[in-house]
Amino acid sequence: MILSAFLQLIQDDKLASILSIRKGKTLLLRFLPYLNVTDHRNQLEELWNAIFRGLAIIGRRDSHHLISLHSEFQRWFDTVQNFNTIFRLARSLSDSANQPIKNNSLAFALTNKFGVSVIASMFEQAEKLYPTDDSLSSEWSSFIANIIEIIGETPPCVAPCRPIAANTLNQHLNRLSHLKCGRYTNLELLLTDANPSR
């Protein structure tokens, strides 16, 4: 019943508003551990996509509470066996990339421990499930290029909960023929054990 209520909030485009207050985040955090991630895989994907689309709004207040969501995200994400799911999550984060900074979920994610942790998990899982479909590969490369562009030359200010191994990240980046950018150093600093914020 609570899951249906959250899904209805997504349909009504109100989930970000509810989760932007502490009580909304607390309700979600109390509810998620009781869901069976395999039985509700598709509904949880819809929920996480909505959270990522509204991440900049959700994190405006009490952004330090977002990290509490990471263990529940990871519990679900560990069951993902399809690159399309990872790509849809990436698209949800990057849909607002052309928005002003206060509404840009991808830019917010790169400065928040929860967001950086999610992105590190996405990269690691993407390497395991890398697509053979060239169009997905091209769009995934664009997502990574957006991240590299947003990071720029700024040193990382947060570290992921579970950093990706540097060799796994480099292997993944080298696999992407569509990725023309050679500035991987700051991305590596952000997502791996090399992060000085650890």
C-alpha atoms as a PDB file:
ATOM      1  CA  MET A   1       0.000   0.000   0.000  1.00  0.00           C
ATOM      2  CA  ILE A   2       2.790   2.450   0.819  1.00  0.00           C
ATOM      3  CA  LEU A   3       4.596   1.459  -2.383  1.00  0.00           C
ATOM      4  CA  SER A   4       1.414   2.260  -4.325  1.00  0.00           C
ATOM      5  CA  ALA A   5       1.287   5.660  -2.627  1.00  0.00           C
ATOM      6  CA  PHE A   6       4.892   6.418  -3.620  1.00  0.00           C
ATOM      7  CA  LEU A   7       4.209   5.277  -7.195  1.00  0.00           C
ATOM      8  CA  GLN A   8       1.137   7.535  -7.303  1.00  0.00           C
ATOM      9  CA  LEU A   9       3.297  10.449  -6.134  1.00  0.00           C
ATOM     10  CA  ILE A  10       5.601   9.717  -9.072  1.00  0.00           C
ATOM     11  CA  GLN A  11       2.616   9.776 -11.460  1.00  0.00           C
ATOM     12  CA  ASP A  12       1.422  13.051  -9.941  1.00  0.00           C
ATOM     13  CA  ASP A  13       4.960  14.475 -10.178  1.00  0.00           C
ATOM     14  CA  LYS A  14       5.029  15.138  -6.413  1.00  0.00           C
ATOM     15  CA  LEU A  15       7.632  12.665  -5.164  1.00  0.00           C
ATOM     16  CA  ALA A  16      10.482  15.200  -5.154  1.00  0.00           C
ATOM     17  CA  SER A  17       8.362  17.637  -3.135  1.00  0.00           C
ATOM     18  CA  ILE A  18       7.511  14.992  -0.523  1.00  0.00           C
ATOM     19  CA  LEU A  19      11.107  13.781  -0.254  1.00  0.00           C
ATOM     20  CA  SER A  20      12.473  17.318  -0.023  1.00  0.00           C
ATOM     21  CA  ILE A  21      11.341  17.402   3.608  1.00  0.00           C
ATOM     22  CA  ARG A  22      12.846  15.305   6.387  1.00  0.00           C
ATOM     23  CA  LYS A  23       9.599  13.474   7.188  1.00  0.00           C
ATOM     24  CA  GLY A  24       9.299  12.309   3.587  1.00  0.00           C
ATOM     25  CA  LYS A  25      12.855  10.966   3.577  1.00  0.00           C
ATOM     26  CA  THR A  26      12.265   9.310   6.956  1.00  0.00           C
ATOM     27  CA  LEU A  27       9.103   7.600   5.727  1.00  0.00           C
ATOM     28  CA  LEU A  28      10.924   6.253   2.678  1.00  0.00           C
ATOM     29  CA  LEU A  29      13.860   5.073   4.807  1.00  0.00           C
ATOM     30  CA  ARG A  30      11.527   3.243   7.189  1.00  0.00           C
ATOM     31  CA  PHE A  31       9.588   1.622   4.369  1.00  0.00           C
ATOM     32  CA  LEU A  32      12.294   0.447   1.940  1.00  0.00           C
ATOM     33  CA  PRO A  33      13.890  -2.265   4.148  1.00  0.00           C
ATOM     34  CA  TYR A  34      10.599  -4.184   4.159  1.00  0.00           C
ATOM     35  CA  LEU A  35      10.353  -4.460   0.379  1.00  0.00           C
ATOM     36  CA  ASN A  36      11.516  -7.608  -1.346  1.00  0.00           C
ATOM     37  CA  VAL A  37      13.837  -6.261  -4.049  1.00  0.00           C
ATOM     38  CA  THR A  38      13.253  -9.159  -6.433  1.00  0.00           C
ATOM     39  CA  ASP A  39       9.454  -9.097  -6.164  1.00  0.00           C
ATOM     40  CA  HIS A  40       9.303  -5.318  -6.633  1.00  0.00           C
ATOM     41  CA  ARG A  41      12.268  -4.822  -8.990  1.00  0.00           C
ATOM     42  CA  ASN A  42      10.364  -2.793 -11.614  1.00  0.00           C
ATOM     43  CA  GLN A  43       8.543  -0.604  -9.097  1.00  0.00           C
ATOM     44  CA  LEU A  44      11.820   0.109  -7.309  1.00  0.00           C
ATOM     45  CA  GLU A  45      13.446   1.042 -10.603  1.00  0.00           C
ATOM     46  CA  GLU A  46      10.629   3.512 -11.186  1.00  0.00           C
ATOM     47  CA  LEU A  47      11.083   4.885  -7.659  1.00  0.00           C
ATOM     48  CA  TRP A  48      14.871   5.284  -7.984  1.00  0.00           C
ATOM     49  CA  ASN A  49      14.519   6.915 -11.406  1.00  0.00           C
ATOM     50  CA  ALA A  50      12.109   9.456  -9.912  1.00  0.00           C
ATOM     51  CA  ILE A  51      14.464  10.092  -6.986  1.00  0.00           C
ATOM     52  CA  PHE A  52      17.382  10.694  -9.358  1.00  0.00           C
ATOM     53  CA  ARG A  53      15.333  13.015 -11.588  1.00  0.00           C
ATOM     54  CA  GLY A  54      14.461  15.134  -8.547  1.00  0.00           C
ATOM     55  CA  LEU A  55      17.725  14.717  -6.642  1.00  0.00           C
ATOM     56  CA  ALA A  56      18.635  18.418  -6.730  1.00  0.00           C
ATOM     57  CA  ILE A  57      15.250  19.303  -5.216  1.00  0.00           C
ATOM     58  CA  ILE A  58      15.218  16.381  -2.766  1.00  0.00           C
ATOM     59  CA  GLY A  59      18.682  17.268  -1.495  1.00  0.00           C
ATOM     60  CA  ARG A  60      18.167  20.998  -0.997  1.00  0.00           C
ATOM     61  CA  ARG A  61      17.242  20.460   2.638  1.00  0.00           C
ATOM     62  CA  ASP A  62      18.778  17.847   4.888  1.00  0.00           C
ATOM     63  CA  SER A  63      21.053  16.559   2.129  1.00  0.00           C
ATOM     64  CA  HIS A  64      23.098  14.713   4.759  1.00  0.00           C
ATOM     65  CA  HIS A  65      20.106  12.353   5.193  1.00  0.00           C
ATOM     66  CA  LEU A  66      20.431  11.183   1.596  1.00  0.00           C
ATOM     67  CA  ILE A  67      23.391   8.940   2.421  1.00  0.00           C
ATOM     68  CA  SER A  68      21.016   6.815   4.497  1.00  0.00           C
ATOM     69  CA  LEU A  69      19.314   5.867   1.221  1.00  0.00           C
ATOM     70  CA  HIS A  70      22.503   4.389  -0.201  1.00  0.00           C
ATOM     71  CA  SER A  71      22.272   1.003   1.507  1.00  0.00           C
ATOM     72  CA  GLU A  72      18.711   0.546   0.221  1.00  0.00           C
ATOM     73  CA  PHE A  73      19.712   1.650  -3.263  1.00  0.00           C
ATOM     74  CA  GLN A  74      22.654  -0.752  -3.214  1.00  0.00           C
ATOM     75  CA  ARG A  75      20.481  -3.634  -1.970  1.00  0.00           C
ATOM     76  CA  TRP A  76      18.233  -3.165  -5.008  1.00  0.00           C
ATOM     77  CA  PHE A  77      21.015  -2.274  -7.447  1.00  0.00           C
ATOM     78  CA  ASP A  78      22.962  -5.458  -6.673  1.00  0.00           C
ATOM     79  CA  THR A  79      20.066  -7.390  -8.251  1.00  0.00           C
ATOM     80  CA  VAL A  80      20.213  -5.428 -11.531  1.00  0.00           C
ATOM     81  CA  GLN A  81      21.325  -7.673 -14.382  1.00  0.00           C
ATOM     82  CA  ASN A  82      20.449  -5.454 -17.329  1.00  0.00           C
ATOM     83  CA  PHE A  83      22.471  -2.574 -18.763  1.00  0.00           C
ATOM     84  CA  ASN A  84      19.272  -0.840 -19.907  1.00  0.00           C
ATOM     85  CA  THR A  85      18.302  -0.360 -16.258  1.00  0.00           C
ATOM     86  CA  ILE A  86      21.660   1.288 -15.533  1.00  0.00           C
ATOM     87  CA  PHE A  87      21.263   3.470 -18.573  1.00  0.00           C
ATOM     88  CA  ARG A  88      17.756   4.578 -17.533  1.00  0.00           C
ATOM     89  CA  LEU A  89      19.146   5.564 -14.119  1.00  0.00           C
ATOM     90  CA  ALA A  90      21.919   7.530 -15.835  1.00  0.00           C
ATOM     91  CA  ARG A  91      19.378   9.248 -18.052  1.00  0.00           C
ATOM     92  CA  SER A  92      17.298  10.185 -14.997  1.00  0.00           C
ATOM     93  CA  LEU A  93      20.344  11.844 -13.462  1.00  0.00           C
ATOM     94  CA  SER A  94      21.414  13.627 -16.632  1.00  0.00           C
ATOM     95  CA  ASP A  95      17.991  14.781 -17.894  1.00  0.00           C
ATOM     96  CA  SER A  96      18.465  18.003 -15.949  1.00  0.00           C
ATOM     97  CA  ALA A  97      22.097  18.550 -17.032  1.00  0.00           C
ATOM     98  CA  ASN A  98      21.153  21.622 -19.089  1.00  0.00           C
ATOM     99  CA  GLN A  99      19.159  23.157 -16.228  1.00  0.00           C
ATOM    100  CA  PRO A 100      20.487  25.879 -13.918  1.00  0.00           C
ATOM    101  CA  ILE A 101      22.751  24.482 -11.208  1.00  0.00           C
ATOM    102  CA  LYS A 102      20.025  24.579  -8.524  1.00  0.00           C
ATOM    103  CA  ASN A 103      17.898  22.136 -10.570  1.00  0.00           C
ATOM    104  CA  ASN A 104      20.729  20.054 -12.047  1.00  0.00           C
ATOM    105  CA  SER A 105      20.532  16.594 -10.443  1.00  0.00           C
ATOM    106  CA  LEU A 106      23.764  15.351 -12.024  1.00  0.00           C
ATOM    107  CA  ALA A 107      25.758  18.344 -10.766  1.00  0.00           C
ATOM    108  CA  PHE A 108      24.202  17.887  -7.316  1.00  0.00           C
ATOM    109  CA  ALA A 109      25.021  14.167  -7.329  1.00  0.00           C
ATOM    110  CA  LEU A 110      28.691  14.920  -8.012  1.00  0.00           C
ATOM    111  CA  THR A 111      28.935  17.033  -4.851  1.00  0.00           C
ATOM    112  CA  ASN A 112      26.974  14.736  -2.537  1.00  0.00           C
ATOM    113  CA  LYS A 113      28.154  11.488  -0.921  1.00  0.00           C
ATOM    114  CA  PHE A 114      24.964   9.638  -1.876  1.00  0.00           C
ATOM    115  CA  GLY A 115      25.187  10.800  -5.492  1.00  0.00           C
ATOM    116  CA  VAL A 116      28.876   9.976  -5.877  1.00  0.00           C
ATOM    117  CA  SER A 117      28.283   6.563  -4.278  1.00  0.00           C
ATOM    118  CA  VAL A 118      25.457   5.840  -6.722  1.00  0.00           C
ATOM    119  CA  ILE A 119      27.576   6.903  -9.702  1.00  0.00           C
ATOM    120  CA  ALA A 120      30.492   4.718  -8.556  1.00  0.00           C
ATOM    121  CA  SER A 121      28.107   1.751  -8.257  1.00  0.00           C
ATOM    122  CA  MET A 122      26.705   2.480 -11.708  1.00  0.00           C
ATOM    123  CA  PHE A 123      30.185   2.503 -13.258  1.00  0.00           C
ATOM    124  CA  GLU A 124      31.124  -0.759 -11.567  1.00  0.00           C
ATOM    125  CA  GLN A 125      27.926  -2.523 -12.629  1.00  0.00           C
ATOM    126  CA  ALA A 126      28.173  -1.028 -16.128  1.00  0.00           C
ATOM    127  CA  GLU A 127      31.576  -2.635 -16.574  1.00  0.00           C
ATOM    128  CA  LYS A 128      30.073  -6.029 -15.669  1.00  0.00           C
ATOM    129  CA  LEU A 129      27.075  -5.624 -17.985  1.00  0.00           C
ATOM    130  CA  TYR A 130      28.582  -3.519 -20.781  1.00  0.00           C
ATOM    131  CA  PRO A 131      26.263  -3.499 -23.824  1.00  0.00           C
ATOM    132  CA  THR A 132      27.038  -4.732 -27.291  1.00  0.00           C
ATOM    133  CA  ASP A 133      24.449  -2.313 -28.674  1.00  0.00           C
ATOM    134  CA  ASP A 134      26.436   0.546 -30.206  1.00  0.00           C
ATOM    135  CA  SER A 135      23.732   3.187 -29.670  1.00  0.00           C
ATOM    136  CA  LEU A 136      23.619   2.451 -25.919  1.00  0.00           C
ATOM    137  CA  SER A 137      27.403   2.593 -25.818  1.00  0.00           C
ATOM    138  CA  SER A 138      27.334   6.010 -27.478  1.00  0.00           C
ATOM    139  CA  GLU A 139      24.724   7.377 -25.064  1.00  0.00           C
ATOM    140  CA  TRP A 140      26.588   5.927 -22.059  1.00  0.00           C
ATOM    141  CA  SER A 141      29.748   7.661 -23.321  1.00  0.00           C
ATOM    142  CA  SER A 142      27.807  10.938 -23.457  1.00  0.00           C
ATOM    143  CA  PHE A 143      26.745  10.450 -19.836  1.00  0.00           C
ATOM    144  CA  ILE A 144      30.376   9.931 -18.796  1.00  0.00           C
ATOM    145  CA  ALA A 145      31.479  12.944 -20.861  1.00  0.00           C
ATOM    146  CA  ASN A 146      28.839  15.054 -19.032  1.00  0.00           C
ATOM    147  CA  ILE A 147      30.243  13.906 -15.695  1.00  0.00           C
ATOM    148  CA  ILE A 148      33.808  14.732 -16.760  1.00  0.00           C
ATOM    149  CA  GLU A 149      32.688  18.160 -17.984  1.00  0.00           C
ATOM    150  CA  ILE A 150      30.849  18.958 -14.731  1.00  0.00           C
ATOM    151  CA  ILE A 151      33.776  17.809 -12.589  1.00  0.00           C
ATOM    152  CA  GLY A 152      36.187  19.902 -14.639  1.00  0.00           C
ATOM    153  CA  GLU A 153      39.425  20.588 -12.823  1.00  0.00           C
ATOM    154  CA  THR A 154      37.832  20.783  -9.375  1.00  0.00           C
ATOM    155  CA  PRO A 155      39.272  18.340  -6.834  1.00  0.00           C
ATOM    156  CA  PRO A 156      36.655  16.040  -5.277  1.00  0.00           C
ATOM    157  CA  CYS A 157      34.987  17.191  -2.055  1.00  0.00           C
ATOM    158  CA  VAL A 158      33.218  13.883  -1.258  1.00  0.00           C
ATOM    159  CA  ALA A 159      34.085  10.202  -1.569  1.00  0.00           C
ATOM    160  CA  PRO A 160      31.825   7.274  -2.463  1.00  0.00           C
ATOM    161  CA  CYS A 161      30.788   4.737   0.193  1.00  0.00           C
ATOM    162  CA  ARG A 162      32.087   1.918  -2.003  1.00  0.00           C
ATOM    163  CA  PRO A 163      34.782   3.266  -4.320  1.00  0.00           C
ATOM    164  CA  ILE A 164      35.320   1.535  -7.633  1.00  0.00           C
ATOM    165  CA  ALA A 165      38.700  -0.129  -8.201  1.00  0.00           C
ATOM    166  CA  ALA A 166      40.913   2.127 -10.330  1.00  0.00           C
ATOM    167  CA  ASN A 167      41.752  -0.672 -12.761  1.00  0.00           C
ATOM    168  CA  THR A 168      38.023  -1.459 -13.224  1.00  0.00           C
ATOM    169  CA  LEU A 169      37.284   2.204 -13.925  1.00  0.00           C
ATOM    170  CA  ASN A 170      40.179   2.509 -16.383  1.00  0.00           C
ATOM    171  CA  GLN A 171      39.195  -0.725 -18.114  1.00  0.00           C
ATOM    172  CA  HIS A 172      35.654   0.588 -18.491  1.00  0.00           C
ATOM    173  CA  LEU A 173      36.740   3.990 -19.799  1.00  0.00           C
ATOM    174  CA  ASN A 174      39.142   2.407 -22.298  1.00  0.00           C
ATOM    175  CA  ARG A 175      36.321   0.204 -23.579  1.00  0.00           C
ATOM    176  CA  LEU A 176      34.280   3.247 -24.613  1.00  0.00           C
ATOM    177  CA  SER A 177      35.289   4.068 -28.163  1.00  0.00           C
ATOM    178  CA  HIS A 178      32.833   6.985 -28.294  1.00  0.00           C
ATOM    179  CA  LEU A 179      34.500   8.724 -25.358  1.00  0.00           C
ATOM    180  CA  LYS A 180      36.859  11.294 -26.824  1.00  0.00           C
ATOM    181  CA  CYS A 181      37.850  13.001 -23.610  1.00  0.00           C
ATOM    182  CA  GLY A 182      41.234  12.112 -22.156  1.00  0.00           C
ATOM    183  CA  ARG A 183      40.754  13.896 -18.819  1.00  0.00           C
ATOM    184  CA  TYR A 184      40.078  10.888 -16.633  1.00  0.00           C
ATOM    185  CA  THR A 185      42.258  11.929 -13.711  1.00  0.00           C
ATOM    186  CA  ASN A 186      39.598  13.886 -11.824  1.00  0.00           C
ATOM    187  CA  LEU A 187      37.012  11.188 -12.507  1.00  0.00           C
ATOM    188  CA  GLU A 188      39.419   8.615 -11.087  1.00  0.00           C
ATOM    189  CA  LEU A 189      40.088  10.843  -8.074  1.00  0.00           C
ATOM    190  CA  LEU A 190      36.348  11.183  -7.463  1.00  0.00           C
ATOM    191  CA  LEU A 191      35.269   7.541  -7.762  1.00  0.00           C
ATOM    192  CA  THR A 192      38.238   5.423  -6.601  1.00  0.00           C
ATOM    193  CA  ASP A 193      40.368   4.870  -3.503  1.00  0.00           C
ATOM    194  CA  ALA A 194      42.627   7.651  -4.784  1.00  0.00           C
ATOM    195  CA  ASN A 195      40.021  10.156  -3.545  1.00  0.00           C
ATOM    196  CA  PRO A 196      41.698  12.462  -0.990  1.00  0.00           C
ATOM    197  CA  SER A 197      38.345  12.915   0.822  1.00  0.00           C
ATOM    198  CA  ARG A 198      38.416   9.289   2.060  1.00  0.00           C
END
